[in-house]
Protein backbone atom coordinates (compact mmCIF):
# COMPACT_ATOMS: atom_id res chain seq x y z
CA UNK A 1 137.63 -98.57 13.94
CA UNK A 2 137.00 -95.87 16.33
CA UNK A 3 135.98 -92.67 14.89
CA UNK A 4 138.00 -89.79 16.03
CA UNK A 5 136.23 -86.34 16.69
CA UNK A 6 137.87 -83.01 15.31
CA UNK A 7 136.94 -79.79 16.49
CA UNK A 8 136.94 -77.32 13.47
CA UNK A 9 136.85 -73.68 15.11
CA UNK A 10 135.29 -70.79 13.19
CA UNK A 11 135.13 -67.15 13.89
CA UNK A 12 134.31 -65.46 10.46
CA UNK A 13 133.02 -66.71 7.30
CA UNK A 14 135.96 -66.70 5.35
CA UNK A 15 137.37 -69.23 7.79
CA UNK A 16 134.31 -71.60 7.34
CA UNK A 17 134.82 -71.60 3.53
CA UNK A 18 138.28 -72.77 4.19
CA UNK A 19 137.41 -75.22 6.93
CA UNK A 20 134.13 -76.88 5.06
CA UNK A 21 136.22 -78.82 2.55
CA UNK A 22 138.57 -80.06 5.27
CA UNK A 23 135.50 -81.28 7.40
CA UNK A 24 134.14 -83.10 3.98
CA UNK A 25 137.65 -84.74 3.58
CA UNK A 26 137.65 -86.01 6.93
CA UNK A 27 134.21 -87.21 6.85
CA UNK A 28 134.82 -89.09 3.69
CA UNK A 29 137.68 -90.64 5.22
CA UNK A 30 135.36 -92.85 7.39
CA UNK A 31 138.07 -92.17 10.17
CA UNK A 32 136.87 -88.86 11.61
CA UNK A 33 133.71 -87.11 12.85
CA UNK A 34 133.88 -83.18 12.19
CA UNK A 35 132.42 -81.29 14.69
CA UNK A 36 132.11 -77.47 14.04
CA UNK A 37 132.20 -74.94 16.87
CA UNK A 38 130.84 -71.50 15.51
CA UNK A 39 131.92 -68.83 17.68
CA UNK A 40 129.37 -65.90 17.25
CA UNK A 41 130.89 -63.56 19.83
CA UNK A 42 131.97 -61.21 17.26
CA UNK A 43 130.37 -62.08 13.92
CA UNK A 44 126.95 -63.71 13.24
CA UNK A 45 127.44 -67.30 11.42
CA UNK A 46 123.74 -67.95 10.82
CA UNK A 47 124.62 -68.98 7.11
CA UNK A 48 127.27 -71.36 8.31
CA UNK A 49 124.77 -73.23 10.80
CA UNK A 50 122.34 -73.65 7.69
CA UNK A 51 125.49 -75.12 5.83
CA UNK A 52 126.25 -77.49 8.34
CA UNK A 53 122.77 -78.87 8.63
CA UNK A 54 122.61 -79.31 5.04
CA UNK A 55 125.99 -81.48 4.92
CA UNK A 56 124.93 -83.22 8.26
CA UNK A 57 127.64 -81.93 10.46
CA UNK A 58 127.17 -81.52 14.13
CA UNK A 59 128.01 -78.09 15.34
CA UNK A 60 128.05 -75.83 18.31
CA UNK A 61 127.44 -72.35 18.46
CA UNK A 62 128.79 -70.25 21.19
CA UNK A 63 126.69 -67.18 21.45
CA UNK A 64 128.35 -63.79 22.53
CA UNK A 65 129.50 -63.79 26.19
CA UNK A 66 129.33 -60.80 28.21
CA UNK A 67 132.30 -58.73 27.85
CA UNK A 68 135.15 -58.07 30.55
CA UNK A 69 134.43 -54.42 32.25
CA UNK A 70 137.61 -53.24 33.49
CA UNK A 71 137.38 -50.75 36.25
CA UNK A 72 137.79 -46.86 35.48
CA UNK A 73 141.44 -45.75 35.72
CA UNK A 74 140.19 -42.39 37.30
CA UNK A 75 141.67 -41.97 40.71
CA UNK A 76 139.86 -40.22 43.86
CA UNK A 77 139.55 -36.49 43.39
CA UNK A 78 140.91 -35.90 46.52
CA UNK A 79 144.41 -36.90 45.43
CA UNK A 80 144.46 -35.89 41.82
CA UNK A 81 146.67 -32.75 42.95
CA UNK A 82 149.36 -34.84 44.63
CA UNK A 83 151.44 -36.39 41.86
CA UNK A 84 152.93 -39.08 44.16
CA UNK A 85 149.89 -40.64 45.19
CA UNK A 86 148.11 -40.18 41.70
CA UNK A 87 150.97 -42.31 40.27
CA UNK A 88 150.47 -44.85 43.04
CA UNK A 89 147.07 -45.13 42.49
CA UNK A 90 147.21 -45.49 38.75
CA UNK A 91 149.66 -48.15 38.93
CA UNK A 92 147.60 -49.61 41.51
CA UNK A 93 144.56 -49.64 39.08
CA UNK A 94 146.66 -50.95 36.36
CA UNK A 95 147.72 -53.94 38.38
CA UNK A 96 144.03 -54.40 39.28
CA UNK A 97 143.01 -54.34 35.55
CA UNK A 98 145.94 -56.97 34.69
CA UNK A 99 144.85 -59.34 37.85
CA UNK A 100 140.95 -59.07 36.21
CA UNK A 101 141.81 -59.73 32.56
CA UNK A 102 144.37 -62.76 33.90
CA UNK A 103 141.41 -64.26 35.68
CA UNK A 104 139.31 -63.76 32.75
CA UNK A 105 141.38 -65.34 30.59
CA UNK A 106 142.28 -68.44 32.89
CA UNK A 107 138.62 -68.83 33.09
CA UNK A 108 138.29 -69.04 29.19
CA UNK A 109 140.94 -71.76 29.14
CA UNK A 110 139.10 -73.73 31.69
CA UNK A 111 135.96 -73.40 29.76
CA UNK A 112 137.52 -74.48 26.58
CA UNK A 113 139.37 -77.40 28.30
CA UNK A 114 135.87 -78.56 29.62
CA UNK A 115 134.24 -78.45 26.04
CA UNK A 116 137.09 -80.60 24.77
CA UNK A 117 136.95 -83.21 27.19
CA UNK A 118 133.06 -83.18 27.14
CA UNK A 119 132.90 -83.80 23.21
CA UNK A 120 135.90 -86.13 23.48
CA UNK A 121 137.93 -84.22 20.80
CA UNK A 122 141.11 -85.75 19.54
CA UNK A 123 142.41 -82.96 17.09
CA UNK A 124 141.92 -79.13 16.99
CA UNK A 125 142.10 -77.36 13.44
CA UNK A 126 142.12 -73.85 13.20
CA UNK A 127 142.42 -71.32 10.47
CA UNK A 128 144.81 -68.81 12.32
CA UNK A 129 146.83 -68.77 15.69
CA UNK A 130 147.77 -65.60 17.10
CA UNK A 131 146.05 -63.04 19.39
CA UNK A 132 142.69 -63.04 17.60
CA UNK A 133 139.02 -64.25 19.21
CA UNK A 134 139.16 -67.02 21.55
CA UNK A 135 141.94 -69.05 19.34
CA UNK A 136 144.58 -68.63 21.91
CA UNK A 137 142.29 -70.17 24.68
CA UNK A 138 141.49 -73.10 22.68
CA UNK A 139 144.83 -74.20 21.61
CA UNK A 140 146.25 -73.62 25.38
CA UNK A 141 143.29 -75.93 26.51
CA UNK A 142 144.50 -78.57 23.83
CA UNK A 143 147.92 -78.26 24.75
CA UNK A 144 147.24 -79.02 28.41
CA UNK A 145 145.04 -82.07 27.31
CA UNK A 146 147.94 -83.44 25.18
CA UNK A 147 145.64 -82.58 22.18
CA UNK A 148 147.11 -81.60 18.99
CA UNK A 149 146.26 -78.48 17.03
CA UNK A 150 146.69 -78.02 13.32
CA UNK A 151 146.53 -74.41 11.77
CA UNK A 152 144.87 -74.45 8.03
CA UNK A 153 145.78 -70.92 7.17
CA UNK A 154 142.70 -68.88 5.63
CA UNK A 155 145.03 -65.93 4.46
CA UNK A 156 148.51 -64.73 3.93
CA UNK A 157 149.77 -61.73 5.95
CA UNK A 158 152.44 -60.53 7.78
CA UNK A 159 153.02 -57.86 10.46
CA UNK A 160 151.84 -54.98 8.00
CA UNK A 161 148.49 -56.10 7.84
CA UNK A 162 147.49 -55.80 11.64
CA UNK A 163 149.64 -52.78 11.90
CA UNK A 164 147.75 -50.81 9.25
CA UNK A 165 144.51 -51.71 10.84
CA UNK A 166 145.56 -50.99 14.37
CA UNK A 167 147.10 -47.53 13.09
CA UNK A 168 143.47 -46.50 12.21
CA UNK A 169 142.37 -46.95 15.89
CA UNK A 170 142.65 -43.14 16.85
CA UNK A 171 145.92 -43.62 18.77
CA UNK A 172 144.50 -46.44 21.15
CA UNK A 173 147.21 -48.78 20.69
CA UNK A 174 150.32 -46.24 20.24
CA UNK A 175 153.06 -46.61 22.93
CA UNK A 176 152.18 -43.47 24.74
CA UNK A 177 151.27 -42.93 28.52
CA UNK A 178 153.14 -44.78 31.29
CA UNK A 179 150.99 -48.06 31.14
CA UNK A 180 151.82 -48.63 27.45
CA UNK A 181 155.27 -47.52 27.74
CA UNK A 182 156.12 -49.77 30.85
CA UNK A 183 154.25 -52.89 28.83
CA UNK A 184 156.71 -51.92 25.96
CA UNK A 185 159.71 -52.17 28.08
CA UNK A 186 158.71 -55.25 29.84
CA UNK A 187 157.52 -57.12 26.91
CA UNK A 188 159.10 -55.63 23.74
CA UNK A 189 158.00 -58.45 21.30
CA UNK A 190 154.83 -56.92 21.81
CA UNK A 191 155.81 -53.26 20.07
CA UNK A 192 156.11 -52.55 16.36
CA UNK A 193 157.24 -49.46 14.84
CA UNK A 194 154.80 -48.88 11.98
CA UNK A 195 155.74 -45.82 9.96
CA UNK A 196 157.71 -44.14 12.70
CA UNK A 197 155.00 -44.97 15.68
CA UNK A 198 155.22 -47.61 18.10
CA UNK A 199 152.38 -49.59 18.93
CA UNK A 200 151.13 -52.45 20.85
CA UNK A 201 149.57 -55.56 19.42
CA UNK A 202 146.66 -55.71 21.78
CA UNK A 203 145.29 -53.59 24.93
CA UNK A 204 148.43 -52.98 27.53
CA UNK A 205 146.52 -55.15 30.22
CA UNK A 206 145.69 -57.92 27.56
CA UNK A 207 149.64 -58.14 26.88
CA UNK A 208 150.29 -59.01 30.88
CA UNK A 209 147.30 -61.33 30.99
CA UNK A 210 148.25 -63.16 27.92
CA UNK A 211 151.68 -63.56 29.17
CA UNK A 212 150.41 -64.72 32.56
CA UNK A 213 147.82 -67.12 31.25
CA UNK A 214 150.61 -68.48 29.34
CA UNK A 215 148.52 -67.78 25.94
CA UNK A 216 150.99 -65.39 24.41
CA UNK A 217 152.12 -66.28 20.87
CA UNK A 218 156.16 -65.75 20.48
CA UNK A 219 155.66 -63.63 17.57
CA UNK A 220 152.55 -61.57 18.56
CA UNK A 221 152.61 -59.56 15.02
CA UNK A 222 152.60 -62.56 12.92
CA UNK A 223 149.61 -64.48 12.03
CA UNK A 224 149.90 -68.43 13.05
CA UNK A 225 152.83 -67.94 15.55
CA UNK A 226 151.03 -69.04 18.21
CA UNK A 227 151.15 -72.48 20.51
CA UNK A 228 149.39 -74.54 17.97
CA UNK A 229 151.18 -78.05 16.99
CA UNK A 230 151.79 -77.31 13.46
CA UNK A 231 150.94 -74.77 10.92
CA UNK A 232 149.99 -76.73 7.27
CA UNK A 233 151.79 -74.70 4.40
CA UNK A 234 150.22 -75.09 0.89
CA UNK A 235 153.13 -74.52 -1.20
CA UNK A 236 156.98 -73.57 -0.76
CA UNK A 237 156.19 -69.81 -1.64
CA UNK A 238 154.04 -69.76 1.61
CA UNK A 239 156.61 -71.70 3.63
CA UNK A 240 159.32 -69.34 2.57
CA UNK A 241 156.99 -66.49 3.45
CA UNK A 242 156.50 -67.63 6.85
CA UNK A 243 160.26 -68.55 7.22
CA UNK A 244 161.19 -65.07 6.64
CA UNK A 245 158.70 -63.63 9.17
CA UNK A 246 160.34 -65.66 11.73
CA UNK A 247 158.03 -69.07 12.03
CA UNK A 248 160.11 -71.88 12.80
CA UNK A 249 160.78 -74.60 9.90
CA UNK A 250 160.02 -77.42 12.44
CA UNK A 251 156.41 -75.76 12.98
CA UNK A 252 155.79 -76.03 9.34
CA UNK A 253 154.39 -79.06 7.20
CA UNK A 254 154.25 -78.75 3.48
CA UNK A 255 151.18 -80.92 2.99
CA UNK A 256 149.42 -78.57 0.88
CA UNK A 257 145.62 -77.58 0.71
CA UNK A 258 142.46 -79.07 -0.49
CA UNK A 259 141.88 -76.39 -3.02
CA UNK A 260 144.83 -77.43 -5.15
CA UNK A 261 143.14 -80.68 -5.76
CA UNK A 262 139.90 -78.87 -6.90
CA UNK A 263 142.01 -76.83 -9.26
CA UNK A 264 143.98 -79.88 -10.31
CA UNK A 265 140.70 -81.87 -11.23
CA UNK A 266 139.45 -78.84 -13.15
CA UNK A 267 142.84 -78.15 -14.96
CA UNK A 268 142.68 -81.85 -16.29
CA UNK A 269 139.37 -81.32 -18.07
CA UNK A 270 139.87 -77.72 -18.81
CA UNK A 271 138.90 -77.35 -22.22
CA UNK A 272 135.39 -79.38 -21.68
CA UNK A 273 134.96 -77.28 -18.47
CA UNK A 274 135.17 -74.03 -20.13
CA UNK A 275 132.84 -74.97 -22.84
CA UNK A 276 130.45 -76.32 -20.13
CA UNK A 277 131.00 -72.78 -18.15
CA UNK A 278 130.37 -70.75 -21.48
CA UNK A 279 126.85 -72.47 -21.97
CA UNK A 280 126.11 -71.76 -18.36
CA UNK A 281 126.65 -68.40 -18.46
CA UNK A 282 126.13 -67.78 -22.04
CA UNK A 283 129.70 -66.71 -22.76
CA UNK A 284 132.22 -67.01 -25.67
CA UNK A 285 134.78 -69.51 -24.36
CA UNK A 286 137.06 -68.10 -27.04
CA UNK A 287 137.48 -64.73 -25.54
CA UNK A 288 139.93 -63.66 -22.72
CA UNK A 289 138.15 -64.42 -19.50
CA UNK A 290 138.93 -62.19 -16.81
CA UNK A 291 137.83 -63.34 -13.17
CA UNK A 292 137.53 -60.53 -10.72
CA UNK A 293 137.74 -61.19 -6.80
CA UNK A 294 135.68 -57.95 -6.06
CA UNK A 295 136.62 -56.29 -2.71
CA UNK A 296 133.76 -55.88 -0.26
CA UNK A 297 132.99 -52.28 1.14
CA UNK A 298 135.42 -52.25 4.28
CA UNK A 299 137.76 -49.23 4.10
CA UNK A 300 137.81 -45.69 2.57
CA UNK A 301 140.10 -44.91 -0.41
CA UNK A 302 141.64 -41.97 -1.79
CA UNK A 303 140.47 -42.35 -5.20
CA UNK A 304 136.62 -42.90 -4.98
CA UNK A 305 133.91 -41.05 -3.02
CA UNK A 306 131.83 -43.99 -2.50
CA UNK A 307 131.99 -48.00 -3.05
CA UNK A 308 129.59 -48.00 -5.86
CA UNK A 309 131.82 -45.56 -8.01
CA UNK A 310 134.80 -47.77 -7.19
CA UNK A 311 133.01 -51.04 -8.36
CA UNK A 312 131.66 -49.30 -11.47
CA UNK A 313 135.18 -48.04 -12.38
CA UNK A 314 136.48 -51.57 -12.06
CA UNK A 315 133.69 -53.23 -14.12
CA UNK A 316 134.03 -50.55 -16.97
CA UNK A 317 137.76 -51.01 -17.09
CA UNK A 318 137.49 -54.82 -17.35
CA UNK A 319 134.80 -54.54 -19.77
CA UNK A 320 136.47 -52.12 -22.21
CA UNK A 321 137.87 -54.67 -24.28
CA UNK A 322 135.94 -56.36 -26.79
CA UNK A 323 138.19 -59.31 -26.60
CA UNK A 324 137.16 -60.10 -22.91
CA UNK A 325 134.54 -61.53 -21.17
CA UNK A 326 134.24 -60.45 -17.49
CA UNK A 327 133.39 -62.68 -14.42
CA UNK A 328 132.94 -61.46 -10.96
CA UNK A 329 133.18 -63.37 -7.67
CA UNK A 330 131.64 -61.64 -4.64
CA UNK A 331 133.29 -61.33 -1.11
CA UNK A 332 131.23 -63.09 1.41
CA UNK A 333 130.54 -59.81 3.12
CA UNK A 334 128.77 -58.12 -0.48
CA UNK A 335 125.32 -58.99 -0.92
CA UNK A 336 124.58 -59.49 -4.57
CA UNK A 337 121.37 -56.85 -4.67
CA UNK A 338 124.12 -54.20 -3.58
CA UNK A 339 126.01 -54.43 -6.83
CA UNK A 340 123.53 -55.92 -9.22
CA UNK A 341 124.20 -53.03 -11.54
CA UNK A 342 127.10 -55.14 -12.44
CA UNK A 343 125.38 -57.50 -14.81
CA UNK A 344 123.72 -54.42 -16.59
CA UNK A 345 127.43 -53.16 -17.27
CA UNK A 346 128.33 -56.31 -19.11
CA UNK A 347 129.76 -58.47 -16.33
CA UNK A 348 128.67 -61.99 -15.17
CA UNK A 349 128.34 -62.74 -11.52
CA UNK A 350 129.19 -66.18 -10.89
CA UNK A 351 127.02 -68.26 -8.57
CA UNK A 352 129.90 -70.93 -7.71
CA UNK A 353 133.14 -70.96 -5.14
CA UNK A 354 136.15 -69.00 -6.89
CA UNK A 355 138.13 -72.20 -6.55
CA UNK A 356 135.87 -73.94 -9.31
CA UNK A 357 135.89 -71.31 -11.67
CA UNK A 358 139.39 -69.59 -11.52
CA UNK A 359 141.24 -72.37 -13.48
CA UNK A 360 139.08 -71.65 -16.65
CA UNK A 361 140.17 -68.16 -16.60
CA UNK A 362 143.02 -66.18 -18.41
CA UNK A 363 143.38 -63.27 -16.35
CA UNK A 364 142.51 -62.63 -12.29
CA UNK A 365 142.10 -59.47 -11.20
CA UNK A 366 141.67 -58.80 -7.33
CA UNK A 367 142.92 -56.43 -4.42
CA UNK A 368 145.48 -57.70 -1.95
CA UNK A 369 143.44 -60.71 -1.81
CA UNK A 370 144.53 -64.32 -0.42
CA UNK A 371 142.87 -65.77 -3.62
CA UNK A 372 145.75 -64.64 -5.45
CA UNK A 373 147.62 -67.88 -4.19
CA UNK A 374 145.08 -69.76 -6.25
CA UNK A 375 145.91 -67.61 -9.39
CA UNK A 376 149.67 -68.34 -8.81
CA UNK A 377 149.11 -72.47 -8.45
CA UNK A 378 146.72 -72.17 -11.77
CA UNK A 379 149.63 -70.28 -13.50
CA UNK A 380 147.29 -67.31 -14.44
CA UNK A 381 148.50 -63.53 -14.80
CA UNK A 382 147.17 -61.47 -11.87
CA UNK A 383 146.23 -57.56 -11.75
CA UNK A 384 146.49 -56.76 -8.05
CA UNK A 385 144.89 -53.25 -7.64
CA UNK A 386 145.46 -52.23 -4.29
CA UNK A 387 142.79 -49.59 -4.29
CA UNK A 388 143.03 -48.98 -0.43
CA UNK A 389 146.86 -48.17 -0.58
CA UNK A 390 147.63 -50.74 2.27
CA UNK A 391 150.85 -51.70 0.13
CA UNK A 392 151.00 -55.26 1.80
CA UNK A 393 154.49 -57.03 0.50
CA UNK A 394 152.72 -60.27 0.15
CA UNK A 395 153.16 -60.44 -3.52
CA UNK A 396 156.25 -58.47 -4.13
CA UNK A 397 158.96 -59.60 -6.51
CA UNK A 398 156.50 -61.93 -8.10
CA UNK A 399 156.54 -61.31 -11.94
CA UNK A 400 152.93 -62.77 -12.65
CA UNK A 401 151.31 -60.58 -10.32
CA UNK A 402 151.13 -56.73 -11.47
CA UNK A 403 150.39 -54.58 -8.52
CA UNK A 404 149.02 -51.18 -9.19
CA UNK A 405 147.94 -48.09 -6.74
CA UNK A 406 145.91 -45.85 -8.97
CA UNK A 407 143.22 -45.90 -11.92
CA UNK A 408 145.66 -45.14 -14.54
CA UNK A 409 147.94 -47.79 -13.97
CA UNK A 410 144.93 -50.21 -13.40
CA UNK A 411 143.53 -49.29 -16.83
CA UNK A 412 147.11 -49.81 -18.63
CA UNK A 413 147.35 -53.38 -16.92
CA UNK A 414 144.38 -54.67 -17.59
CA UNK A 415 144.35 -53.23 -21.26
CA UNK A 416 148.06 -54.88 -21.89
CA UNK A 417 146.67 -57.97 -20.29
CA UNK A 418 144.04 -58.61 -22.80
CA UNK A 419 145.12 -56.74 -25.77
CA UNK A 420 148.81 -57.52 -25.90
CA UNK A 421 149.55 -61.13 -26.71
CA UNK A 422 153.48 -60.84 -26.27
CA UNK A 423 153.07 -59.33 -23.04
CA UNK A 424 150.62 -61.66 -21.83
CA UNK A 425 152.78 -64.54 -23.27
CA UNK A 426 155.98 -62.95 -21.25
CA UNK A 427 153.86 -63.40 -17.82
CA UNK A 428 152.76 -67.32 -18.82
CA UNK A 429 156.34 -67.94 -19.76
CA UNK A 430 157.37 -67.03 -16.23
CA UNK A 431 155.38 -69.88 -14.78
CA UNK A 432 157.59 -72.10 -16.39
CA UNK A 433 160.52 -71.36 -14.20
CA UNK A 434 158.67 -71.77 -11.10
CA UNK A 435 156.94 -75.26 -11.76
CA UNK A 436 155.37 -76.38 -8.53
CA UNK A 437 156.48 -73.56 -6.35
CA UNK A 438 153.24 -71.96 -5.66
CA UNK A 439 151.42 -75.04 -5.14
CA UNK A 440 151.53 -79.05 -5.70
CA UNK A 441 149.10 -79.69 -8.53
CA UNK A 442 149.23 -83.36 -8.47
CA UNK A 443 145.92 -84.39 -7.18
CA UNK A 444 147.35 -85.96 -3.73
CA UNK A 445 146.96 -82.90 -1.39
CA UNK A 446 144.12 -84.76 0.43
CA UNK A 447 146.09 -87.82 0.67
CA UNK A 448 149.02 -85.93 2.41
CA UNK A 449 146.32 -84.01 4.59
CA UNK A 450 144.99 -87.04 5.91
CA UNK A 451 148.45 -88.66 6.55
CA UNK A 452 149.31 -85.63 8.61
CA UNK A 453 145.82 -85.99 10.74
CA UNK A 454 146.45 -89.68 11.14
CA UNK A 455 149.91 -88.69 12.58
CA UNK A 456 148.79 -85.91 14.92
CA UNK A 457 145.88 -88.32 16.42
CA UNK A 458 148.24 -91.09 17.18
CA UNK A 459 148.44 -91.74 20.94
């Protein structure tokens, strides 16, 4: 039997955490040879290299390449006073920028195409498909070679997330000035109105270049709207979410997610697993267990002067009830030594993947985290403290997710979750109305995924 080689593309650590179990599934099947491409052009992935070596996965590290340097947009001084010539020169420079960027993008596509051919790749697996990193070039190259590509989403987000981020770029993407206005008129799909300010998804010359190089996604502001063959949906909830944002139904496949099988296996032996965890962490299994997915220090917020202050408030609030035991899962960006005071305050930092511990808990506390999906699948009540005031809409209208925006509301929700049995039970009852909607917990997600991969690699 021929072993099919599958390329798994990684740009950041959180993507690797999603793709690692996929690679393990592929290898265990005996039909596939997973091959990681670790693109370090933006982020260091040294830890991921070590994990690949530990699991005997072949990998290729792509180091940072020289960036594209565009020419200055300043015209010669002798024509600055002549408006007509000034405008013509600016237009000429803009066209020159577009041409240079387009040529650069086409070169990238050619490079990715050669890599796919050299490694005899038969399937490309990515965790997002939009405008970020070199993903569009890999997908375009795969399409040119008739290689299928599958997206295993590592997060849940709509246009609000990139818009919120770009709004903090000091006006860089605001549709102001002739170049950006022309770009918006020619390609209106690249424009988004965020709180009254129109913005471009990327720099204007990149808009033209992506269109001319044929790597532009149909919906630039939406994650996973690119040119990949299929987007794998883990649940009907996630599928409905993407449908609402304009992703075509025919492009989605509800095969599930590996983590759902991990959760399922633990839930089947929850009592024994919880007792073992209690022994491991010296914790009382009869208390109400709160698991906190602690957000990293990546953005300022209005309620706390420093990250340490925020963390201490979170931990103090959760540990206030004598009926609760608090566990903390650190974000990959957060070094344990930076927050080691957590355990002095009475919380316990777990040393295992969050999906391996979450099913054992009674309440999940997070900040606009994609891991909330796991809590929903496990039928666990959630306190979603949007401490950065992003006000994303991902979990709106879900009765079991209590989203709060300030200290007082956070304290109130944590107290009710830990000390009000009727309130807690009312949230648990909600899940009886939504059985299977947030993920199929049947232990067969890995089978459905392999069947999909088999279908995608048929020639």
